[in-house]
Amino acid sequence: MGKIIVLVHEKCPHCDTIKQKLGNDKRFKIMDVSKEPDARELALKLGVNAVPYFLYADEHGQVCTLDEKGNVGKCVGEVNKKR
């Protein structure tokens, strides 16, 4: 089963709200683009230019953008196997 990745930034008030609402929900992985090189790499490869931003990571390591309806968009393969 895949996981939802949420890209955030430490100075983003909307990101703080998302992090509080998600709490410790294991279905989500929070990645901070201001602190984590892997998060910055994902943002660059997928053309993410605003946060918070939701991505989908499948069980094979492929990461994809999600639109506002949850549909899968652009994908990149095996960015980081540690997910």
C-alpha atoms as a PDB file:
ATOM      1  CA  MET A   1       0.000   0.000   0.000  1.00  0.00           C
ATOM      2  CA  GLY A   2       1.243   3.490  -0.813  1.00  0.00           C
ATOM      3  CA  LYS A   3       1.665   6.534   1.344  1.00  0.00           C
ATOM      4  CA  ILE A   4       0.739  10.192   1.008  1.00  0.00           C
ATOM      5  CA  ILE A   5       3.722  12.536   1.244  1.00  0.00           C
ATOM      6  CA  VAL A   6       3.062  16.098   2.370  1.00  0.00           C
ATOM      7  CA  LEU A   7       5.708  18.633   1.403  1.00  0.00           C
ATOM      8  CA  VAL A   8       5.898  21.488   3.916  1.00  0.00           C
ATOM      9  CA  HIS A   9       8.158  24.414   4.846  1.00  0.00           C
ATOM     10  CA  GLU A  10       9.081  25.438   8.377  1.00  0.00           C
ATOM     11  CA  LYS A  11       7.859  29.041   7.853  1.00  0.00           C
ATOM     12  CA  CYS A  12       4.501  28.109   6.298  1.00  0.00           C
ATOM     13  CA  PRO A  13       1.497  28.690   8.601  1.00  0.00           C
ATOM     14  CA  HIS A  14      -0.769  26.512   6.418  1.00  0.00           C
ATOM     15  CA  CYS A  15       1.788  23.713   6.708  1.00  0.00           C
ATOM     16  CA  ASP A  16       1.656  23.979  10.492  1.00  0.00           C
ATOM     17  CA  THR A  17      -2.122  23.546  10.347  1.00  0.00           C
ATOM     18  CA  ILE A  18      -1.820  20.473   8.125  1.00  0.00           C
ATOM     19  CA  LYS A  19       0.830  18.936  10.416  1.00  0.00           C
ATOM     20  CA  GLN A  20      -1.399  19.478  13.472  1.00  0.00           C
ATOM     21  CA  LYS A  21      -4.436  17.943  11.770  1.00  0.00           C
ATOM     22  CA  LEU A  22      -2.511  14.883  10.562  1.00  0.00           C
ATOM     23  CA  GLY A  23      -0.819  14.327  13.917  1.00  0.00           C
ATOM     24  CA  ASN A  24       0.875  10.925  14.001  1.00  0.00           C
ATOM     25  CA  ASP A  25      -1.216   9.355  11.233  1.00  0.00           C
ATOM     26  CA  LYS A  26       1.115   6.752   9.692  1.00  0.00           C
ATOM     27  CA  ARG A  27      -0.591   6.992   6.287  1.00  0.00           C
ATOM     28  CA  PHE A  28       1.160  10.330   5.782  1.00  0.00           C
ATOM     29  CA  LYS A  29       4.837  11.230   5.624  1.00  0.00           C
ATOM     30  CA  ILE A  30       5.685  14.873   6.308  1.00  0.00           C
ATOM     31  CA  MET A  31       8.772  16.133   4.437  1.00  0.00           C
ATOM     32  CA  ASP A  32      10.145  19.639   5.025  1.00  0.00           C
ATOM     33  CA  VAL A  33      11.617  21.246   1.892  1.00  0.00           C
ATOM     34  CA  SER A  34      13.490  23.760   4.057  1.00  0.00           C
ATOM     35  CA  LYS A  35      15.369  21.008   5.940  1.00  0.00           C
ATOM     36  CA  GLU A  36      15.391  17.794   3.901  1.00  0.00           C
ATOM     37  CA  PRO A  37      17.367  17.428   0.661  1.00  0.00           C
ATOM     38  CA  ASP A  38      15.091  14.546  -0.451  1.00  0.00           C
ATOM     39  CA  ALA A  39      12.056  16.815  -0.091  1.00  0.00           C
ATOM     40  CA  ARG A  40      13.729  19.539  -2.164  1.00  0.00           C
ATOM     41  CA  GLU A  41      14.651  16.954  -4.814  1.00  0.00           C
ATOM     42  CA  LEU A  42      11.034  15.782  -5.049  1.00  0.00           C
ATOM     43  CA  ALA A  43       9.766  19.351  -5.323  1.00  0.00           C
ATOM     44  CA  LEU A  44      12.205  20.123  -8.139  1.00  0.00           C
ATOM     45  CA  LYS A  45      11.592  16.918 -10.103  1.00  0.00           C
ATOM     46  CA  LEU A  46       7.818  17.250  -9.889  1.00  0.00           C
ATOM     47  CA  GLY A  47       7.606  21.001 -10.450  1.00  0.00           C
ATOM     48  CA  VAL A  48       6.202  21.779  -7.011  1.00  0.00           C
ATOM     49  CA  ASN A  49       6.396  25.519  -6.316  1.00  0.00           C
ATOM     50  CA  ALA A  50       4.096  25.944  -3.316  1.00  0.00           C
ATOM     51  CA  VAL A  51       3.481  24.205  -0.009  1.00  0.00           C
ATOM     52  CA  PRO A  52       1.751  22.403   1.535  1.00  0.00           C
ATOM     53  CA  TYR A  53       1.706  19.959  -1.381  1.00  0.00           C
ATOM     54  CA  PHE A  54       0.398  16.389  -1.394  1.00  0.00           C
ATOM     55  CA  LEU A  55       2.124  13.580  -3.299  1.00  0.00           C
ATOM     56  CA  TYR A  56       1.496   9.850  -3.584  1.00  0.00           C
ATOM     57  CA  ALA A  57       4.309   7.303  -3.123  1.00  0.00           C
ATOM     58  CA  ASP A  58       3.558   3.743  -4.190  1.00  0.00           C
ATOM     59  CA  GLU A  59       5.086   0.604  -2.710  1.00  0.00           C
ATOM     60  CA  HIS A  60       7.724   0.522  -5.480  1.00  0.00           C
ATOM     61  CA  GLY A  61       9.161   3.963  -4.699  1.00  0.00           C
ATOM     62  CA  GLN A  62       7.458   5.876  -7.508  1.00  0.00           C
ATOM     63  CA  VAL A  63       6.217   9.312  -6.404  1.00  0.00           C
ATOM     64  CA  CYS A  64       3.404  11.179  -8.175  1.00  0.00           C
ATOM     65  CA  THR A  65       1.630  14.503  -7.892  1.00  0.00           C
ATOM     66  CA  LEU A  66      -2.047  14.570  -6.941  1.00  0.00           C
ATOM     67  CA  ASP A  67      -4.592  17.052  -8.223  1.00  0.00           C
ATOM     68  CA  GLU A  68      -7.325  18.619  -6.082  1.00  0.00           C
ATOM     69  CA  LYS A  69      -9.541  15.550  -6.652  1.00  0.00           C
ATOM     70  CA  GLY A  70      -6.813  13.064  -5.720  1.00  0.00           C
ATOM     71  CA  ASN A  71      -6.079  11.990  -9.289  1.00  0.00           C
ATOM     72  CA  VAL A  72      -2.490  10.981 -10.059  1.00  0.00           C
ATOM     73  CA  GLY A  73      -0.511  13.330 -12.290  1.00  0.00           C
ATOM     74  CA  LYS A  74       3.207  13.561 -13.088  1.00  0.00           C
ATOM     75  CA  CYS A  75       5.374  10.785 -11.625  1.00  0.00           C
ATOM     76  CA  VAL A  76       9.074  10.168 -10.984  1.00  0.00           C
ATOM     77  CA  GLY A  77      10.527   6.781 -10.186  1.00  0.00           C
ATOM     78  CA  GLU A  78      12.402   5.603  -7.160  1.00  0.00           C
ATOM     79  CA  VAL A  79      13.464   8.944  -5.711  1.00  0.00           C
ATOM     80  CA  ASN A  80      14.172   7.550  -2.263  1.00  0.00           C
ATOM     81  CA  LYS A  81      13.907   3.892  -1.248  1.00  0.00           C
ATOM     82  CA  LYS A  82      13.684   4.762   2.511  1.00  0.00           C
ATOM     83  CA  ARG A  83       9.912   5.424   2.407  1.00  0.00           C
END
